[in-house]
Amino acid sequence: MSTRLAERSVMPEHMDDFSEGGAELEEALRHLRRLNRIFGAASPILYGIKHIWKQAGRPNRLTVLDVGSGSGDINRRILKWAKRRGVELQVVLSDVTEEAQAEAERLFGDGNRVTFVKQNGFDLLRDSADIVTASQFIHHFDAEDLVRLMRRFAEAARHGVVVGDIHRHWLAWGAVWLVTRLISANRYIRHDGPLSVAKGFRRRELRSLARQLDGAAAAIRWRPLFRYAFIIVKRREG
């Protein structure tokens, strides 16, 4: 397995096929929320948001744009942090599927702090939000598209960008393979879960990505349960 994981897998995930979906994909998004809790998917995003918030002068208002959000479940932890800190937080979930929108609305209801927009990550407008986030999303892209995507993220963010993704390692692959089979019979989850690890990153690859981002100051931090936080802090003006 360590040999197979030496380089990023180029196999497509089932979730990359937008010709399918429906109830099976909605079920997968619900099961993915369990996996996110088990493997601490929110942790690197919250870590990065805290860092950017401090660098921005601890503003009492923030907008966060979560790209490739799925149902947006990791933002529940971000909202709790903001409430404790007295930060007025507005979260915009961005995804391209109707299933993601349906699950987001089911999860957050009519809460006025979370909204959903059906949008491609490459179509983000400049200065769309204070902080742009993406959790377990960038591993869906090859090296060339990934650079373009991250540049778009940086253009869309006023304060900074935080990406959380998977450290490609045989221990992580084995754990995800086992847990997905224990908690779900959904074909999206069983296929895409381990494959997500195989499509994940090593530190050298994230360093290479950082060097291609037109001088943006990027920090790469390893987080528990085999995850990376990739953080870009925009320079403050004045």
Foldseek 3Di string as FASTA:
>chain_A
DQVLLPDFDPDAAPVVDQVDDDPLNLVVLVVVLVVCVVLVQLVLVLVQVVVLCVVVPNDQEWEEEEAQCQLVVSCVVVVVVSVVVNRHYAYEYEAADPSSVVSVCVVCPPDRRYYYDHDHLLPADFCQTQEYEYTLPLLNDDPVVSLSSVLSRQRNHNFKYKYKAFAQDPVLLVVQLVVLVVRDPRPSSNRVRSSSSSSTDDPVSLVVSVVSNVPFDWDWDADPSGMIIIMTGDDDDD
